[in-house]
Amino acid sequence: MNAPDIRKRRRRPRLIFPARAPRHDEHVADRCIPYSELRDDVDTRVVLLTGAGEKAFVAGADINELNKNNPVEAKAYTHKGQAVLDLIENLGKPVIACINGFALGGGCELSMACTFRLASENAKIGQPEVKLGIIAGYGGSQRLPRLVGKGWAMQNLLTGEMVSAQEAHRIGLVNEVLPAADLMKRAEEIAKKIIANAPLAVQYTMEAVNKGLDMPLAEGLFLEATLFAVACATEDKKEGTTAFLEKRPANFKGK
């Protein structure tokens, strides 16, 4: 895969920290450590993920490597990639995909594992695996229909066609489309709004949504009620409600 940058938004303005993600000759699993560090870093509240260059978010896998894979290697390859994307999806803090160009194959799958997606006007997104005689291997056949519905997902997965940023926005695959020069600025604006909220409330909300989507409604509602009760036991809940009544900004501590 071509490399995206990881940018982590901290509470205080030292704020943007770039880190390298997979190159075309690396496996996505080889870059698992930075995500684990981001998960465990209490000062990291929001992660901004974007392409290291100007042309691609992630252009996809190394075709030369795929061409050499036998079935055993291919299965291990997909399991490793899926594990990293699962880590990103369940990081416990928002990961905003800032799609600044091509997001194809594993790049599209990486973006779908993020909490939500912003795209530049020149972005192209798709799952072209069928053109190579294979199928999506990092969750594309599972996350895409969950995000945009079965019909559109089937059309994209079976034709292997790229879609424009504008079309991706129309079907709900990306939240916003922006001029390339404004992409990171807008992501940082959203990050600031999230950072202003209680960290544990943000974490519990993400858990309720991510896990609840795989549950029957009754079980999802039970999970929501349970997490609501847990949130009510936090210091942040006391601070948030007190600050509201006292008409002052809240000072959340993630406790």
Protein backbone atom coordinates (compact mmCIF):
# COMPACT_ATOMS: atom_id res chain seq x y z
CA MET A 1 0.00 0.00 0.00
CA ASN A 2 1.07 3.58 -0.57
CA ALA A 3 1.47 5.34 2.75
CA PRO A 4 -1.03 7.47 4.60
CA ASP A 5 0.04 9.83 7.38
CA ILE A 6 -1.31 9.40 10.88
CA ARG A 7 -1.98 12.73 12.51
CA LYS A 8 -3.03 12.79 16.13
CA ARG A 9 -4.87 15.70 17.62
CA ARG A 10 -3.85 16.45 21.22
CA ARG A 11 -5.50 18.57 23.88
CA ARG A 12 -2.87 21.31 23.71
CA PRO A 13 -1.71 22.99 20.61
CA ARG A 14 1.35 21.05 19.65
CA LEU A 15 -1.30 19.36 17.84
CA ILE A 16 -0.46 17.70 14.56
CA PHE A 17 1.97 14.82 14.59
CA PRO A 18 2.74 13.02 11.29
CA ALA A 19 3.71 9.35 11.30
CA ARG A 20 4.38 6.99 8.43
CA ALA A 21 1.96 4.22 7.49
CA PRO A 22 2.48 1.41 4.94
CA ARG A 23 4.45 1.96 1.74
CA HIS A 24 3.56 -0.06 -1.33
CA ASP A 25 6.17 -2.67 -0.33
CA GLU A 26 4.94 -3.05 3.26
CA HIS A 27 2.00 -4.95 4.66
CA VAL A 28 -0.56 -2.91 6.58
CA ALA A 29 0.02 -5.15 9.60
CA ASP A 30 3.63 -3.99 9.74
CA ARG A 31 2.29 -0.61 10.82
CA CYS A 32 0.18 -1.98 13.68
CA ILE A 33 2.41 -0.52 16.40
CA PRO A 34 1.57 3.17 15.75
CA TYR A 35 -2.15 2.42 16.06
CA SER A 36 -1.58 0.50 19.29
CA GLU A 37 0.38 3.46 20.63
CA LEU A 38 -2.39 5.85 19.63
CA ARG A 39 -4.95 3.65 21.35
CA ASP A 40 -2.95 3.64 24.59
CA ASP A 41 -1.90 7.32 24.52
CA VAL A 42 -4.29 9.16 26.86
CA ASP A 43 -3.32 12.51 25.35
CA THR A 44 -4.43 11.47 21.87
CA ARG A 45 -8.09 12.30 21.50
CA VAL A 46 -8.68 12.25 17.73
CA VAL A 47 -6.61 10.72 14.94
CA LEU A 48 -6.50 12.26 11.45
CA LEU A 49 -5.44 9.78 8.78
CA THR A 50 -4.40 11.05 5.35
CA GLY A 51 -2.14 10.17 2.44
CA ALA A 52 1.53 11.05 2.67
CA GLY A 53 1.62 12.41 -0.89
CA GLU A 54 -0.69 14.54 -2.98
CA LYS A 55 -2.10 11.87 -5.30
CA ALA A 56 -3.32 9.03 -3.10
CA PHE A 57 -4.78 8.23 0.29
CA VAL A 58 -3.81 4.61 -0.30
CA ALA A 59 -3.69 3.32 -3.85
CA GLY A 60 -3.97 -0.34 -2.91
CA ALA A 61 -1.88 -3.47 -2.53
CA ASP A 62 1.35 -4.40 -4.27
CA ILE A 63 0.17 -6.44 -7.27
CA ASN A 64 3.56 -8.14 -7.60
CA GLU A 65 3.17 -9.47 -4.07
CA LEU A 66 -0.39 -10.62 -4.72
CA ASN A 67 0.72 -12.41 -7.86
CA LYS A 68 3.10 -14.59 -5.83
CA ASN A 69 0.71 -15.49 -3.00
CA ASN A 70 -0.36 -19.11 -2.53
CA PRO A 71 -3.66 -19.89 -0.72
CA VAL A 72 -2.04 -20.25 2.71
CA GLU A 73 -0.13 -16.98 2.35
CA ALA A 74 -3.21 -15.22 1.00
CA LYS A 75 -5.32 -16.25 3.99
CA ALA A 76 -2.65 -15.12 6.44
CA TYR A 77 -2.25 -11.87 4.48
CA THR A 78 -5.94 -11.03 4.77
CA HIS A 79 -6.19 -11.98 8.45
CA LYS A 80 -3.26 -9.69 9.30
CA GLY A 81 -4.78 -6.77 7.42
CA GLN A 82 -8.22 -7.35 8.90
CA ALA A 83 -6.75 -7.35 12.41
CA VAL A 84 -5.19 -3.91 11.92
CA LEU A 85 -8.39 -2.44 10.46
CA ASP A 86 -10.37 -3.90 13.35
CA LEU A 87 -7.91 -2.18 15.70
CA ILE A 88 -8.51 1.13 13.92
CA GLU A 89 -12.28 0.70 13.96
CA ASN A 90 -12.26 -0.07 17.69
CA LEU A 91 -9.49 2.30 18.74
CA GLY A 92 -11.68 3.85 21.43
CA LYS A 93 -11.23 7.31 19.92
CA PRO A 94 -12.32 8.79 16.60
CA VAL A 95 -10.20 8.21 13.51
CA ILE A 96 -11.08 10.61 10.68
CA ALA A 97 -10.09 9.47 7.20
CA CYS A 98 -9.02 12.47 5.11
CA ILE A 99 -9.11 11.00 1.60
CA ASN A 100 -6.81 13.19 -0.47
CA GLY A 101 -6.71 11.21 -3.72
CA PHE A 102 -7.03 7.59 -4.80
CA ALA A 103 -8.47 5.21 -2.18
CA LEU A 104 -8.62 1.89 -4.00
CA GLY A 105 -8.87 -1.66 -2.71
CA GLY A 106 -7.17 -1.75 0.67
CA GLY A 107 -7.20 2.05 0.69
CA CYS A 108 -10.97 2.12 0.47
CA GLU A 109 -11.16 -0.60 3.11
CA LEU A 110 -8.84 1.38 5.39
CA SER A 111 -11.03 4.46 5.06
CA MET A 112 -14.16 2.43 5.86
CA ALA A 113 -12.59 1.21 9.10
CA CYS A 114 -12.27 4.84 10.20
CA THR A 115 -14.99 6.53 12.24
CA PHE A 116 -16.01 8.68 9.28
CA ARG A 117 -14.58 10.01 6.06
CA LEU A 118 -13.89 13.40 4.47
CA ALA A 119 -12.73 13.61 0.85
CA SER A 120 -11.03 16.12 -1.39
CA GLU A 121 -12.74 17.00 -4.67
CA ASN A 122 -10.20 14.98 -6.64
CA ALA A 123 -10.65 11.76 -4.63
CA LYS A 124 -11.46 8.50 -6.39
CA ILE A 125 -12.73 5.56 -4.34
CA GLY A 126 -13.38 1.94 -5.21
CA GLN A 127 -12.90 -1.79 -4.76
CA PRO A 128 -11.35 -3.03 -8.03
CA GLU A 129 -10.35 -6.51 -6.82
CA VAL A 130 -12.62 -8.43 -9.24
CA LYS A 131 -10.59 -6.98 -12.11
CA LEU A 132 -7.63 -8.94 -10.73
CA GLY A 133 -9.51 -12.19 -10.24
CA ILE A 134 -9.77 -11.80 -6.46
CA ILE A 135 -12.20 -10.29 -3.95
CA ALA A 136 -11.86 -7.65 -1.24
CA GLY A 137 -9.80 -9.06 1.62
CA TYR A 138 -9.64 -6.37 4.31
CA GLY A 139 -13.36 -6.13 5.02
CA GLY A 140 -14.63 -4.43 1.87
CA SER A 141 -17.40 -6.96 1.28
CA GLN A 142 -18.59 -6.48 4.86
CA ARG A 143 -18.15 -2.79 5.70
CA LEU A 144 -19.23 -1.35 2.34
CA PRO A 145 -22.82 -2.72 2.44
CA ARG A 146 -23.09 -1.70 6.08
CA LEU A 147 -22.22 1.87 5.12
CA VAL A 148 -24.08 2.37 1.85
CA GLY A 149 -26.53 -0.52 1.56
CA LYS A 150 -26.42 -3.85 -0.25
CA GLY A 151 -27.44 -2.62 -3.70
CA TRP A 152 -24.81 0.05 -4.23
CA ALA A 153 -22.16 -2.09 -2.53
CA MET A 154 -22.89 -4.98 -4.88
CA GLN A 155 -22.66 -2.69 -7.91
CA ASN A 156 -19.30 -1.32 -6.85
CA LEU A 157 -17.83 -4.64 -5.74
CA LEU A 158 -18.97 -6.50 -8.88
CA THR A 159 -17.99 -3.86 -11.45
CA GLY A 160 -14.77 -2.80 -9.76
CA GLU A 161 -15.42 0.76 -10.89
CA MET A 162 -14.04 3.85 -9.16
CA VAL A 163 -16.47 6.54 -8.05
CA SER A 164 -15.84 10.24 -7.68
CA ALA A 165 -15.81 12.01 -4.35
CA GLN A 166 -19.11 13.64 -5.27
CA GLU A 167 -20.78 10.27 -5.95
CA ALA A 168 -19.30 8.84 -2.75
CA HIS A 169 -20.87 11.73 -0.87
CA ARG A 170 -24.24 11.21 -2.56
CA ILE A 171 -24.44 7.60 -1.44
CA GLY A 172 -23.15 8.29 2.06
CA LEU A 173 -19.69 6.77 1.81
CA VAL A 174 -18.04 10.10 2.69
CA ASN A 175 -19.49 12.79 4.92
CA GLU A 176 -18.15 15.88 3.15
CA VAL A 177 -16.30 16.81 -0.05
CA LEU A 178 -13.88 19.72 0.12
CA PRO A 179 -11.27 21.52 -1.97
CA ALA A 180 -7.94 19.78 -1.45
CA ALA A 181 -6.48 22.83 0.28
CA ASP A 182 -9.29 22.79 2.86
CA LEU A 183 -9.38 19.06 3.64
CA MET A 184 -7.11 18.97 6.69
CA LYS A 185 -8.37 22.32 7.96
CA ARG A 186 -11.92 20.99 8.01
CA ALA A 187 -10.81 17.76 9.69
CA GLU A 188 -9.07 19.77 12.40
CA GLU A 189 -12.20 21.87 12.91
CA ILE A 190 -14.23 18.72 13.52
CA ALA A 191 -11.49 17.30 15.74
CA LYS A 192 -11.57 20.42 17.94
CA LYS A 193 -15.31 20.02 18.44
CA ILE A 194 -14.86 16.40 19.47
CA ILE A 195 -11.98 17.24 21.81
CA ALA A 196 -14.20 19.76 23.61
CA ASN A 197 -16.45 16.90 24.73
CA ALA A 198 -15.97 14.36 27.51
CA PRO A 199 -13.46 11.69 26.40
CA LEU A 200 -15.26 8.79 28.07
CA ALA A 201 -18.61 9.89 26.67
CA VAL A 202 -17.08 9.93 23.18
CA GLN A 203 -15.60 6.48 23.75
CA TYR A 204 -18.86 5.01 25.08
CA THR A 205 -20.85 6.53 22.23
CA MET A 206 -18.55 4.91 19.67
CA GLU A 207 -18.79 1.58 21.48
CA ALA A 208 -22.59 1.78 21.54
CA VAL A 209 -22.77 2.45 17.80
CA ASN A 210 -20.08 0.00 16.66
CA LYS A 211 -21.24 -2.93 18.76
CA GLY A 212 -24.94 -2.08 18.57
CA LEU A 213 -24.96 -2.32 14.77
CA ASP A 214 -24.20 -6.04 15.04
CA MET A 215 -26.95 -6.66 17.62
CA PRO A 216 -30.72 -6.98 17.49
CA LEU A 217 -32.35 -3.69 18.49
CA ALA A 218 -33.33 -4.92 21.96
CA GLU A 219 -29.75 -5.93 22.73
CA GLY A 220 -28.42 -2.67 21.32
CA LEU A 221 -30.77 -0.70 23.55
CA PHE A 222 -29.63 -2.72 26.55
CA LEU A 223 -26.01 -1.95 25.68
CA GLU A 224 -26.84 1.76 25.37
CA ALA A 225 -28.57 1.76 28.77
CA THR A 226 -25.60 0.00 30.35
CA LEU A 227 -23.08 2.45 28.91
CA PHE A 228 -25.33 5.36 29.91
CA ALA A 229 -25.24 4.08 33.49
CA VAL A 230 -21.45 3.73 33.36
CA ALA A 231 -21.13 7.28 32.04
CA CYS A 232 -23.25 8.54 34.93
CA ALA A 233 -20.67 7.17 37.36
CA THR A 234 -17.79 9.22 35.88
CA GLU A 235 -16.25 12.43 37.19
CA ASP A 236 -16.78 13.90 33.73
CA LYS A 237 -20.54 13.49 34.07
CA LYS A 238 -20.46 15.42 37.34
CA GLU A 239 -18.26 18.11 35.79
CA GLY A 240 -20.36 18.37 32.63
CA THR A 241 -23.69 18.76 34.37
CA THR A 242 -22.26 21.13 36.98
CA ALA A 243 -20.60 23.29 34.34
CA PHE A 244 -23.86 23.49 32.41
CA LEU A 245 -25.78 24.62 35.50
CA GLU A 246 -23.07 27.12 36.38
CA LYS A 247 -22.96 28.41 32.78
CA ARG A 248 -19.22 27.83 32.34
CA PRO A 249 -17.09 25.65 30.04
CA ALA A 250 -16.57 22.13 31.32
CA ASN A 251 -13.10 20.90 32.23
CA PHE A 252 -13.21 17.22 31.33
CA LYS A 253 -10.43 14.92 32.51
CA GLY A 254 -11.44 11.56 31.08
CA LYS A 255 -12.24 10.11 34.50
